[in-house]
Amino acid sequence: VKQLENFAGIMNFVIFPMYFASSALYPLWRVQEASPLLYKICVLNPF
């Protein structure tokens, strides 16, 4: 990005998906029971 305002927007599309689609708040086995698709996303998430 070239401008400060654009980077702030990108942060919102990176920080929150990375944090919530991970094992930070819920064990992965619970995520798998609730949503197999979300479980796969969590497994692919480096966070």
All heavy atoms as atom14 arrays in JSON, in Angstrom:
{
  "sequence": "VKQLENFAGIMNFVIFPMYFASSALYPLWRVQEASPLLYKICVLNPF",
  "atom14_mask": [
    [1, 1, 1, 1, 1, 1, 1, 0, 0, 0, 0, 0, 0, 0],
    [1, 1, 1, 1, 1, 1, 1, 1, 1, 0, 0, 0, 0, 0],
    [1, 1, 1, 1, 1, 1, 1, 1, 1, 0, 0, 0, 0, 0],
    [1, 1, 1, 1, 1, 1, 1, 1, 0, 0, 0, 0, 0, 0],
    [1, 1, 1, 1, 1, 1, 1, 1, 1, 0, 0, 0, 0, 0],
    [1, 1, 1, 1, 1, 1, 1, 1, 0, 0, 0, 0, 0, 0],
    [1, 1, 1, 1, 1, 1, 1, 1, 1, 1, 1, 0, 0, 0],
    [1, 1, 1, 1, 1, 0, 0, 0, 0, 0, 0, 0, 0, 0],
    [1, 1, 1, 1, 0, 0, 0, 0, 0, 0, 0, 0, 0, 0],
    [1, 1, 1, 1, 1, 1, 1, 1, 0, 0, 0, 0, 0, 0],
    [1, 1, 1, 1, 1, 1, 1, 1, 0, 0, 0, 0, 0, 0],
    [1, 1, 1, 1, 1, 1, 1, 1, 0, 0, 0, 0, 0, 0],
    [1, 1, 1, 1, 1, 1, 1, 1, 1, 1, 1, 0, 0, 0],
    [1, 1, 1, 1, 1, 1, 1, 0, 0, 0, 0, 0, 0, 0],
    [1, 1, 1, 1, 1, 1, 1, 1, 0, 0, 0, 0, 0, 0],
    [1, 1, 1, 1, 1, 1, 1, 1, 1, 1, 1, 0, 0, 0],
    [1, 1, 1, 1, 1, 1, 1, 0, 0, 0, 0, 0, 0, 0],
    [1, 1, 1, 1, 1, 1, 1, 1, 0, 0, 0, 0, 0, 0],
    [1, 1, 1, 1, 1, 1, 1, 1, 1, 1, 1, 1, 0, 0],
    [1, 1, 1, 1, 1, 1, 1, 1, 1, 1, 1, 0, 0, 0],
    [1, 1, 1, 1, 1, 0, 0, 0, 0, 0, 0, 0, 0, 0],
    [1, 1, 1, 1, 1, 1, 0, 0, 0, 0, 0, 0, 0, 0],
    [1, 1, 1, 1, 1, 1, 0, 0, 0, 0, 0, 0, 0, 0],
    [1, 1, 1, 1, 1, 0, 0, 0, 0, 0, 0, 0, 0, 0],
    [1, 1, 1, 1, 1, 1, 1, 1, 0, 0, 0, 0, 0, 0],
    [1, 1, 1, 1, 1, 1, 1, 1, 1, 1, 1, 1, 0, 0],
    [1, 1, 1, 1, 1, 1, 1, 0, 0, 0, 0, 0, 0, 0],
    [1, 1, 1, 1, 1, 1, 1, 1, 0, 0, 0, 0, 0, 0],
    [1, 1, 1, 1, 1, 1, 1, 1, 1, 1, 1, 1, 1, 1],
    [1, 1, 1, 1, 1, 1, 1, 1, 1, 1, 1, 0, 0, 0],
    [1, 1, 1, 1, 1, 1, 1, 0, 0, 0, 0, 0, 0, 0],
    [1, 1, 1, 1, 1, 1, 1, 1, 1, 0, 0, 0, 0, 0],
    [1, 1, 1, 1, 1, 1, 1, 1, 1, 0, 0, 0, 0, 0],
    [1, 1, 1, 1, 1, 0, 0, 0, 0, 0, 0, 0, 0, 0],
    [1, 1, 1, 1, 1, 1, 0, 0, 0, 0, 0, 0, 0, 0],
    [1, 1, 1, 1, 1, 1, 1, 0, 0, 0, 0, 0, 0, 0],
    [1, 1, 1, 1, 1, 1, 1, 1, 0, 0, 0, 0, 0, 0],
    [1, 1, 1, 1, 1, 1, 1, 1, 0, 0, 0, 0, 0, 0],
    [1, 1, 1, 1, 1, 1, 1, 1, 1, 1, 1, 1, 0, 0],
    [1, 1, 1, 1, 1, 1, 1, 1, 1, 0, 0, 0, 0, 0],
    [1, 1, 1, 1, 1, 1, 1, 1, 0, 0, 0, 0, 0, 0],
    [1, 1, 1, 1, 1, 1, 0, 0, 0, 0, 0, 0, 0, 0],
    [1, 1, 1, 1, 1, 1, 1, 0, 0, 0, 0, 0, 0, 0],
    [1, 1, 1, 1, 1, 1, 1, 1, 0, 0, 0, 0, 0, 0],
    [1, 1, 1, 1, 1, 1, 1, 1, 0, 0, 0, 0, 0, 0],
    [1, 1, 1, 1, 1, 1, 1, 0, 0, 0, 0, 0, 0, 0],
    [1, 1, 1, 1, 1, 1, 1, 1, 1, 1, 1, 0, 0, 0]
  ],
  "atom14_positions": [
    [[0.85, -1.19, 0.0], [0.0, 0.0, 0.0], [0.88, 1.23, 0.0], [2.02, 1.21, 0.47], [-0.94, 0.02, 1.22], [-1.91, -1.13, 1.17], [-0.15, 0.01, 2.52], [0.0, 0.0, 0.0], [0.0, 0.0, 0.0], [0.0, 0.0, 0.0], [0.0, 0.0, 0.0], [0.0, 0.0, 0.0], [0.0, 0.0, 0.0], [0.0, 0.0, 0.0]],
    [[0.33, 2.32, -0.53], [1.08, 3.56, -0.64], [0.59, 4.63, 0.31], [1.28, 5.6, 0.57], [0.98, 4.11, -2.08], [1.46, 3.16, -3.15], [2.92, 2.81, -2.98], [3.84, 4.0, -3.28], [5.26, 3.64, -3.2], [0.0, 0.0, 0.0], [0.0, 0.0, 0.0], [0.0, 0.0, 0.0], [0.0, 0.0, 0.0], [0.0, 0.0, 0.0]],
    [[-0.63, 4.48, 0.84], [-1.19, 5.49, 1.72], [-1.62, 4.88, 3.04], [-2.04, 3.73, 3.11], [-2.39, 6.18, 1.05], [-2.02, 6.97, -0.2], [-3.23, 7.64, -0.82], [-4.37, 7.29, -0.52], [-2.98, 8.61, -1.69], [0.0, 0.0, 0.0], [0.0, 0.0, 0.0], [0.0, 0.0, 0.0], [0.0, 0.0, 0.0], [0.0, 0.0, 0.0]],
    [[-1.51, 5.68, 4.09], [-1.81, 5.22, 5.43], [-3.25, 4.77, 5.57], [-3.55, 3.78, 6.23], [-1.51, 6.36, 6.42], [-1.53, 6.02, 7.91], [-0.45, 5.02, 8.24], [-1.35, 7.3, 8.73], [0.0, 0.0, 0.0], [0.0, 0.0, 0.0], [0.0, 0.0, 0.0], [0.0, 0.0, 0.0], [0.0, 0.0, 0.0], [0.0, 0.0, 0.0]],
    [[-4.18, 5.48, 4.94], [-5.6, 5.13, 5.06], [-5.89, 3.76, 4.48], [-6.7, 3.0, 5.01], [-6.46, 6.18, 4.36], [-6.39, 7.57, 4.99], [-5.15, 8.33, 4.56], [-4.38, 7.81, 3.72], [-4.93, 9.45, 5.07], [0.0, 0.0, 0.0], [0.0, 0.0, 0.0], [0.0, 0.0, 0.0], [0.0, 0.0, 0.0], [0.0, 0.0, 0.0]],
    [[-5.24, 3.4, 3.39], [-5.46, 2.09, 2.77], [-4.96, 0.96, 3.67], [-5.57, -0.11, 3.74], [-4.76, 2.03, 1.41], [-5.34, 3.02, 0.43], [-6.48, 3.44, 0.56], [-4.56, 3.41, -0.56], [0.0, 0.0, 0.0], [0.0, 0.0, 0.0], [0.0, 0.0, 0.0], [0.0, 0.0, 0.0], [0.0, 0.0, 0.0], [0.0, 0.0, 0.0]],
    [[-3.85, 1.19, 4.36], [-3.3, 0.14, 5.21], [-4.21, -0.15, 6.39], [-4.36, -1.29, 6.81], [-1.91, 0.54, 5.71], [-1.2, -0.55, 6.45], [-0.66, -1.63, 5.77], [-1.06, -0.51, 7.83], [0.0, -2.64, 6.45], [-0.41, -1.51, 8.51], [0.13, -2.58, 7.81], [0.0, 0.0, 0.0], [0.0, 0.0, 0.0], [0.0, 0.0, 0.0]],
    [[-4.85, 0.89, 6.93], [-5.78, 0.68, 8.04], [-6.92, -0.23, 7.62], [-7.39, -1.08, 8.39], [-6.31, 2.02, 8.54], [0.0, 0.0, 0.0], [0.0, 0.0, 0.0], [0.0, 0.0, 0.0], [0.0, 0.0, 0.0], [0.0, 0.0, 0.0], [0.0, 0.0, 0.0], [0.0, 0.0, 0.0], [0.0, 0.0, 0.0], [0.0, 0.0, 0.0]],
    [[-7.41, -0.08, 6.38], [-8.47, -0.95, 5.89], [-8.0, -2.38, 5.71], [-8.73, -3.33, 6.04], [0.0, 0.0, 0.0], [0.0, 0.0, 0.0], [0.0, 0.0, 0.0], [0.0, 0.0, 0.0], [0.0, 0.0, 0.0], [0.0, 0.0, 0.0], [0.0, 0.0, 0.0], [0.0, 0.0, 0.0], [0.0, 0.0, 0.0], [0.0, 0.0, 0.0]],
    [[-6.79, -2.56, 5.2], [-6.26, -3.91, 5.02], [-6.1, -4.62, 6.35], [-6.35, -5.83, 6.47], [-4.91, -3.83, 4.27], [-5.14, -3.41, 2.81], [-4.18, -5.18, 4.32], [-3.87, -3.28, 2.01], [0.0, 0.0, 0.0], [0.0, 0.0, 0.0], [0.0, 0.0, 0.0], [0.0, 0.0, 0.0], [0.0, 0.0, 0.0], [0.0, 0.0, 0.0]],
    [[-5.71, -3.89, 7.38], [-5.55, -4.49, 8.71], [-6.84, -5.16, 9.18], [-6.82, -6.25, 9.75], [-5.1, -3.44, 9.71], [-3.64, -3.01, 9.56], [-3.2, -1.69, 10.71], [-3.51, -2.47, 12.28], [0.0, 0.0, 0.0], [0.0, 0.0, 0.0], [0.0, 0.0, 0.0], [0.0, 0.0, 0.0], [0.0, 0.0, 0.0], [0.0, 0.0, 0.0]],
    [[-7.96, -4.5, 8.94], [-9.24, -5.06, 9.38], [-9.58, -6.35, 8.65], [-10.27, -7.23, 9.2], [-10.36, -4.04, 9.18], [-10.25, -2.86, 10.12], [-9.77, -3.02, 11.24], [-10.67, -1.69, 9.67], [0.0, 0.0, 0.0], [0.0, 0.0, 0.0], [0.0, 0.0, 0.0], [0.0, 0.0, 0.0], [0.0, 0.0, 0.0], [0.0, 0.0, 0.0]],
    [[-9.13, -6.49, 7.41], [-9.4, -7.7, 6.64], [-8.38, -8.8, 6.92], [-8.51, -9.89, 6.39], [-9.43, -7.38, 5.15], [-10.66, -6.65, 4.71], [-10.64, -5.27, 4.53], [-11.85, -7.33, 4.5], [-11.78, -4.59, 4.12], [-12.99, -6.66, 4.1], [-12.96, -5.28, 3.91], [0.0, 0.0, 0.0], [0.0, 0.0, 0.0], [0.0, 0.0, 0.0]],
    [[-7.38, -8.51, 7.72], [-6.35, -9.49, 8.04], [-6.41, -9.9, 9.5], [-6.46, -11.09, 9.84], [-4.95, -8.94, 7.69], [-3.86, -9.91, 8.18], [-4.82, -8.72, 6.2], [0.0, 0.0, 0.0], [0.0, 0.0, 0.0], [0.0, 0.0, 0.0], [0.0, 0.0, 0.0], [0.0, 0.0, 0.0], [0.0, 0.0, 0.0], [0.0, 0.0, 0.0]],
    [[-6.45, -8.91, 10.4], [-6.35, -9.19, 11.83], [-7.52, -10.03, 12.33], [-7.33, -11.09, 12.93], [-6.26, -7.88, 12.64], [-4.92, -7.2, 12.38], [-6.41, -8.15, 14.13], [-4.75, -5.89, 13.11], [0.0, 0.0, 0.0], [0.0, 0.0, 0.0], [0.0, 0.0, 0.0], [0.0, 0.0, 0.0], [0.0, 0.0, 0.0], [0.0, 0.0, 0.0]],
    [[-8.73, -9.57, 12.08], [-9.89, -10.25, 12.65], [-10.12, -11.64, 12.05], [-10.4, -12.59, 12.79], [-11.13, -9.37, 12.51], [-11.04, -8.1, 13.32], [-10.9, -6.87, 12.72], [-11.05, -8.16, 14.71], [-10.8, -5.71, 13.46], [-10.96, -7.0, 15.48], [-10.83, -5.78, 14.85], [0.0, 0.0, 0.0], [0.0, 0.0, 0.0], [0.0, 0.0, 0.0]],
    [[-10.04, -11.82, 10.72], [-10.17, -13.2, 10.2], [-9.09, -14.14, 10.73], [-9.38, -15.29, 11.06], [-10.05, -13.01, 8.68], [-10.49, -11.62, 8.43], [-10.0, -10.84, 9.61], [0.0, 0.0, 0.0], [0.0, 0.0, 0.0], [0.0, 0.0, 0.0], [0.0, 0.0, 0.0], [0.0, 0.0, 0.0], [0.0, 0.0, 0.0], [0.0, 0.0, 0.0]],
    [[-7.85, -13.65, 10.84], [-6.77, -14.51, 11.34], [-7.03, -14.9, 12.78], [-6.79, -16.06, 13.17], [-5.42, -13.79, 11.23], [-4.85, -13.72, 9.84], [-3.13, -13.17, 9.83], [-2.31, -14.58, 10.58], [0.0, 0.0, 0.0], [0.0, 0.0, 0.0], [0.0, 0.0, 0.0], [0.0, 0.0, 0.0], [0.0, 0.0, 0.0], [0.0, 0.0, 0.0]],
    [[-7.51, -13.97, 13.58], [-7.68, -14.25, 15.0], [-8.88, -15.17, 15.26], [-8.77, -16.16, 16.0], [-7.84, -12.94, 15.78], [-7.97, -13.15, 17.27], [-6.88, -13.58, 18.02], [-9.19, -12.96, 17.92], [-6.99, -13.79, 19.38], [-9.3, -13.16, 19.28], [-8.2, -13.58, 20.0], [-8.32, -13.79, 21.35], [0.0, 0.0, 0.0], [0.0, 0.0, 0.0]],
    [[-10.02, -14.85, 14.67], [-11.23, -15.62, 14.97], [-11.23, -16.98, 14.26], [-11.85, -17.92, 14.77], [-12.47, -14.82, 14.58], [-12.73, -13.66, 15.5], [-12.52, -12.36, 15.09], [-13.17, -13.88, 16.8], [-12.76, -11.29, 15.94], [-13.4, -12.82, 17.66], [-13.19, -11.52, 17.23], [0.0, 0.0, 0.0], [0.0, 0.0, 0.0], [0.0, 0.0, 0.0]],
    [[-10.58, -17.1, 13.12], [-10.52, -18.38, 12.42], [-9.24, -19.12, 12.83], [-8.41, -19.48, 12.0], [-10.55, -18.17, 10.91], [0.0, 0.0, 0.0], [0.0, 0.0, 0.0], [0.0, 0.0, 0.0], [0.0, 0.0, 0.0], [0.0, 0.0, 0.0], [0.0, 0.0, 0.0], [0.0, 0.0, 0.0], [0.0, 0.0, 0.0], [0.0, 0.0, 0.0]],
    [[-9.11, -19.36, 14.12], [-7.93, -20.04, 14.65], [-8.34, -20.77, 15.92], [-9.51, -20.77, 16.32], [-6.8, -19.04, 14.95], [-7.13, -18.23, 16.07], [0.0, 0.0, 0.0], [0.0, 0.0, 0.0], [0.0, 0.0, 0.0], [0.0, 0.0, 0.0], [0.0, 0.0, 0.0], [0.0, 0.0, 0.0], [0.0, 0.0, 0.0], [0.0, 0.0, 0.0]],
    [[-7.36, -21.36, 16.58], [-7.62, -22.06, 17.84], [-7.43, -21.15, 19.04], [-7.31, -21.63, 20.16], [-6.68, -23.26, 17.96], [-5.32, -22.82, 17.97], [0.0, 0.0, 0.0], [0.0, 0.0, 0.0], [0.0, 0.0, 0.0], [0.0, 0.0, 0.0], [0.0, 0.0, 0.0], [0.0, 0.0, 0.0], [0.0, 0.0, 0.0], [0.0, 0.0, 0.0]],
    [[-7.41, -19.82, 18.82], [-7.17, -18.89, 19.92], [-8.29, -18.89, 20.93], [-8.07, -18.78, 22.14], [-6.95, -17.48, 19.36], [0.0, 0.0, 0.0], [0.0, 0.0, 0.0], [0.0, 0.0, 0.0], [0.0, 0.0, 0.0], [0.0, 0.0, 0.0], [0.0, 0.0, 0.0], [0.0, 0.0, 0.0], [0.0, 0.0, 0.0], [0.0, 0.0, 0.0]],
    [[-9.54, -19.01, 20.46], [-10.69, -18.9, 21.35], [-11.4, -20.23, 21.59], [-12.06, -20.39, 22.62], [-11.7, -17.9, 20.77], [-11.2, -16.46, 20.59], [-12.27, -15.6, 19.95], [-10.77, -15.88, 21.93], [0.0, 0.0, 0.0], [0.0, 0.0, 0.0], [0.0, 0.0, 0.0], [0.0, 0.0, 0.0], [0.0, 0.0, 0.0], [0.0, 0.0, 0.0]],
    [[-11.28, -21.16, 20.65], [-12.0, -22.42, 20.77], [-11.09, -23.56, 20.34], [-10.3, -23.41, 19.4], [-13.26, -22.43, 19.89], [-13.99, -21.12, 19.86], [-13.9, -20.26, 18.77], [-14.78, -20.71, 20.94], [-14.57, -19.05, 18.73], [-15.46, -19.51, 20.92], [-15.35, -18.67, 19.82], [-15.99, -17.48, 19.79], [0.0, 0.0, 0.0], [0.0, 0.0, 0.0]],
    [[-11.17, -24.71, 21.0], [-10.4, -25.88, 20.55], [-10.83, -26.28, 19.14], [-12.0, -26.13, 18.76], [-10.76, -26.96, 21.57], [-11.3, -26.22, 22.76], [-11.94, -24.99, 22.22], [0.0, 0.0, 0.0], [0.0, 0.0, 0.0], [0.0, 0.0, 0.0], [0.0, 0.0, 0.0], [0.0, 0.0, 0.0], [0.0, 0.0, 0.0], [0.0, 0.0, 0.0]],
    [[-9.9, -26.77, 18.36], [-10.2, -27.12, 16.98], [-11.22, -28.23, 16.89], [-11.98, -28.3, 15.91], [-8.91, -27.51, 16.26], [-7.93, -26.37, 15.96], [-6.73, -26.9, 15.18], [-8.61, -25.25, 15.19], [0.0, 0.0, 0.0], [0.0, 0.0, 0.0], [0.0, 0.0, 0.0], [0.0, 0.0, 0.0], [0.0, 0.0, 0.0], [0.0, 0.0, 0.0]],
    [[-11.27, -29.12, 17.88], [-12.25, -30.2, 17.79], [-13.67, -29.65, 17.91], [-14.6, -30.18, 17.31], [-11.98, -31.26, 18.85], [-12.2, -30.84, 20.27], [-11.28, -30.31, 21.12], [-13.42, -30.91, 21.02], [-11.84, -30.04, 22.34], [-13.16, -30.41, 22.31], [-14.72, -31.36, 20.73], [-14.13, -30.34, 23.31], [-15.69, -31.29, 21.72], [-15.39, -30.79, 22.98]],
    [[-13.84, -28.58, 18.68], [-15.16, -27.96, 18.76], [-15.51, -27.25, 17.45], [-16.66, -27.27, 17.01], [-15.2, -26.96, 19.91], [-15.4, -27.6, 21.27], [-15.72, -26.57, 22.33], [-16.09, -27.19, 23.59], [-17.29, -27.59, 23.91], [-18.28, -27.45, 23.04], [-17.55, -28.15, 25.08], [0.0, 0.0, 0.0], [0.0, 0.0, 0.0], [0.0, 0.0, 0.0]],
    [[-14.53, -26.62, 16.84], [-14.75, -25.96, 15.56], [-15.14, -26.98, 14.51], [-16.04, -26.75, 13.69], [-13.49, -25.18, 15.12], [-13.68, -24.57, 13.74], [-13.15, -24.09, 16.14], [0.0, 0.0, 0.0], [0.0, 0.0, 0.0], [0.0, 0.0, 0.0], [0.0, 0.0, 0.0], [0.0, 0.0, 0.0], [0.0, 0.0, 0.0], [0.0, 0.0, 0.0]],
    [[-14.47, -28.14, 14.52], [-14.77, -29.18, 13.54], [-16.19, -29.7, 13.72], [-16.89, -30.0, 12.73], [-13.76, -30.32, 13.68], [-13.87, -31.37, 12.59], [-12.79, -32.41, 12.7], [-12.21, -32.61, 13.77], [-12.49, -33.08, 11.59], [0.0, 0.0, 0.0], [0.0, 0.0, 0.0], [0.0, 0.0, 0.0], [0.0, 0.0, 0.0], [0.0, 0.0, 0.0]],
    [[-16.65, -29.83, 14.96], [-18.02, -30.28, 15.2], [-19.04, -29.28, 14.69], [-20.09, -29.65, 14.17], [-18.23, -30.52, 16.69], [-17.54, -31.76, 17.24], [-17.83, -31.95, 18.71], [-18.39, -31.01, 19.33], [-17.52, -33.03, 19.25], [0.0, 0.0, 0.0], [0.0, 0.0, 0.0], [0.0, 0.0, 0.0], [0.0, 0.0, 0.0], [0.0, 0.0, 0.0]],
    [[-18.72, -27.99, 14.83], [-19.67, -26.94, 14.45], [-19.67, -26.67, 12.96], [-20.73, -26.49, 12.35], [-19.35, -25.66, 15.22], [0.0, 0.0, 0.0], [0.0, 0.0, 0.0], [0.0, 0.0, 0.0], [0.0, 0.0, 0.0], [0.0, 0.0, 0.0], [0.0, 0.0, 0.0], [0.0, 0.0, 0.0], [0.0, 0.0, 0.0], [0.0, 0.0, 0.0]],
    [[-18.46, -26.66, 12.34], [-18.37, -26.32, 10.92], [-17.1, -26.94, 10.34], [-16.0, -26.43, 10.59], [-18.35, -24.79, 10.74], [-18.08, -24.45, 9.39], [0.0, 0.0, 0.0], [0.0, 0.0, 0.0], [0.0, 0.0, 0.0], [0.0, 0.0, 0.0], [0.0, 0.0, 0.0], [0.0, 0.0, 0.0], [0.0, 0.0, 0.0], [0.0, 0.0, 0.0]],
    [[-17.23, -28.01, 9.56], [-16.04, -28.61, 8.92], [-15.3, -27.63, 8.02], [-14.07, -27.68, 7.92], [-16.63, -29.79, 8.13], [-17.91, -30.12, 8.83], [-18.44, -28.81, 9.33], [0.0, 0.0, 0.0], [0.0, 0.0, 0.0], [0.0, 0.0, 0.0], [0.0, 0.0, 0.0], [0.0, 0.0, 0.0], [0.0, 0.0, 0.0], [0.0, 0.0, 0.0]],
    [[-16.04, -26.74, 7.35], [-15.39, -25.75, 6.47], [-14.54, -24.79, 7.28], [-13.39, -24.5, 6.92], [-16.44, -24.99, 5.68], [-15.9, -23.86, 4.78], [-14.92, -24.41, 3.75], [-17.05, -23.12, 4.1], [0.0, 0.0, 0.0], [0.0, 0.0, 0.0], [0.0, 0.0, 0.0], [0.0, 0.0, 0.0], [0.0, 0.0, 0.0], [0.0, 0.0, 0.0]],
    [[-15.08, -24.28, 8.39], [-14.31, -23.37, 9.25], [-13.11, -24.09, 9.83], [-12.04, -23.48, 10.0], [-15.21, -22.83, 10.36], [-14.54, -21.85, 11.33], [-13.98, -20.65, 10.6], [-15.53, -21.42, 12.41], [0.0, 0.0, 0.0], [0.0, 0.0, 0.0], [0.0, 0.0, 0.0], [0.0, 0.0, 0.0], [0.0, 0.0, 0.0], [0.0, 0.0, 0.0]],
    [[-13.26, -25.36, 10.14], [-12.13, -26.14, 10.66], [-10.99, -26.19, 9.65], [-9.81, -26.02, 10.01], [-12.59, -27.56, 11.01], [-11.46, -28.49, 11.34], [-10.83, -28.45, 12.58], [-11.02, -29.43, 10.41], [-9.79, -29.31, 12.89], [-9.99, -30.3, 10.71], [-9.38, -30.23, 11.94], [-8.35, -31.09, 12.23], [0.0, 0.0, 0.0], [0.0, 0.0, 0.0]],
    [[-11.31, -26.39, 8.38], [-10.27, -26.42, 7.35], [-9.58, -25.07, 7.22], [-8.36, -24.99, 7.02], [-10.87, -26.83, 6.01], [-11.39, -28.26, 5.99], [-12.01, -28.61, 4.64], [-12.54, -30.03, 4.64], [-13.19, -30.38, 3.34], [0.0, 0.0, 0.0], [0.0, 0.0, 0.0], [0.0, 0.0, 0.0], [0.0, 0.0, 0.0], [0.0, 0.0, 0.0]],
    [[-10.36, -24.0, 7.35], [-9.77, -22.66, 7.3], [-8.83, -22.45, 8.48], [-7.73, -21.89, 8.33], [-10.88, -21.58, 7.29], [-11.73, -21.7, 6.02], [-10.29, -20.18, 7.4], [-12.91, -20.76, 5.98], [0.0, 0.0, 0.0], [0.0, 0.0, 0.0], [0.0, 0.0, 0.0], [0.0, 0.0, 0.0], [0.0, 0.0, 0.0], [0.0, 0.0, 0.0]],
    [[-9.24, -22.92, 9.66], [-8.39, -22.79, 10.84], [-7.08, -23.56, 10.68], [-6.02, -23.09, 11.1], [-9.13, -23.29, 12.08], [-10.55, -22.28, 12.58], [0.0, 0.0, 0.0], [0.0, 0.0, 0.0], [0.0, 0.0, 0.0], [0.0, 0.0, 0.0], [0.0, 0.0, 0.0], [0.0, 0.0, 0.0], [0.0, 0.0, 0.0], [0.0, 0.0, 0.0]],
    [[-7.16, -24.72, 10.07], [-5.96, -25.53, 9.86], [-5.0, -24.85, 8.89], [-3.78, -24.96, 9.02], [-6.35, -26.93, 9.36], [-5.12, -27.73, 8.94], [-7.12, -27.68, 10.45], [0.0, 0.0, 0.0], [0.0, 0.0, 0.0], [0.0, 0.0, 0.0], [0.0, 0.0, 0.0], [0.0, 0.0, 0.0], [0.0, 0.0, 0.0], [0.0, 0.0, 0.0]],
    [[-5.54, -24.13, 7.91], [-4.71, -23.43, 6.94], [-4.21, -22.08, 7.45], [-3.36, -21.46, 6.81], [-5.49, -23.23, 5.64], [-5.88, -24.49, 4.87], [-6.74, -24.13, 3.67], [-4.65, -25.26, 4.44], [0.0, 0.0, 0.0], [0.0, 0.0, 0.0], [0.0, 0.0, 0.0], [0.0, 0.0, 0.0], [0.0, 0.0, 0.0], [0.0, 0.0, 0.0]],
    [[-4.74, -21.63, 8.56], [-4.39, -20.33, 9.11], [-3.06, -20.42, 9.88], [-2.98, -21.14, 10.88], [-5.51, -19.86, 10.05], [-5.26, -18.47, 10.6], [-4.26, -17.82, 10.29], [-6.17, -18.02, 11.44], [0.0, 0.0, 0.0], [0.0, 0.0, 0.0], [0.0, 0.0, 0.0], [0.0, 0.0, 0.0], [0.0, 0.0, 0.0], [0.0, 0.0, 0.0]],
    [[-2.02, -19.71, 9.48], [-0.74, -19.79, 10.21], [-0.83, -19.28, 11.63], [-0.03, -19.68, 12.48], [0.2, -18.93, 9.36], [-0.68, -18.06, 8.54], [-1.93, -18.83, 8.3], [0.0, 0.0, 0.0], [0.0, 0.0, 0.0], [0.0, 0.0, 0.0], [0.0, 0.0, 0.0], [0.0, 0.0, 0.0], [0.0, 0.0, 0.0], [0.0, 0.0, 0.0]],
    [[-1.8, -18.41, 11.91], [-1.94, -17.91, 13.27], [-2.31, -19.03, 14.23], [-1.93, -18.99, 15.41], [-3.0, -16.8, 13.31], [-3.13, -16.13, 14.65], [-2.16, -15.26, 15.11], [-4.24, -16.38, 15.46], [-2.27, -14.65, 16.35], [-4.36, -15.76, 16.7], [-3.37, -14.89, 17.14], [0.0, 0.0, 0.0], [0.0, 0.0, 0.0], [0.0, 0.0, 0.0]]
  ]
}
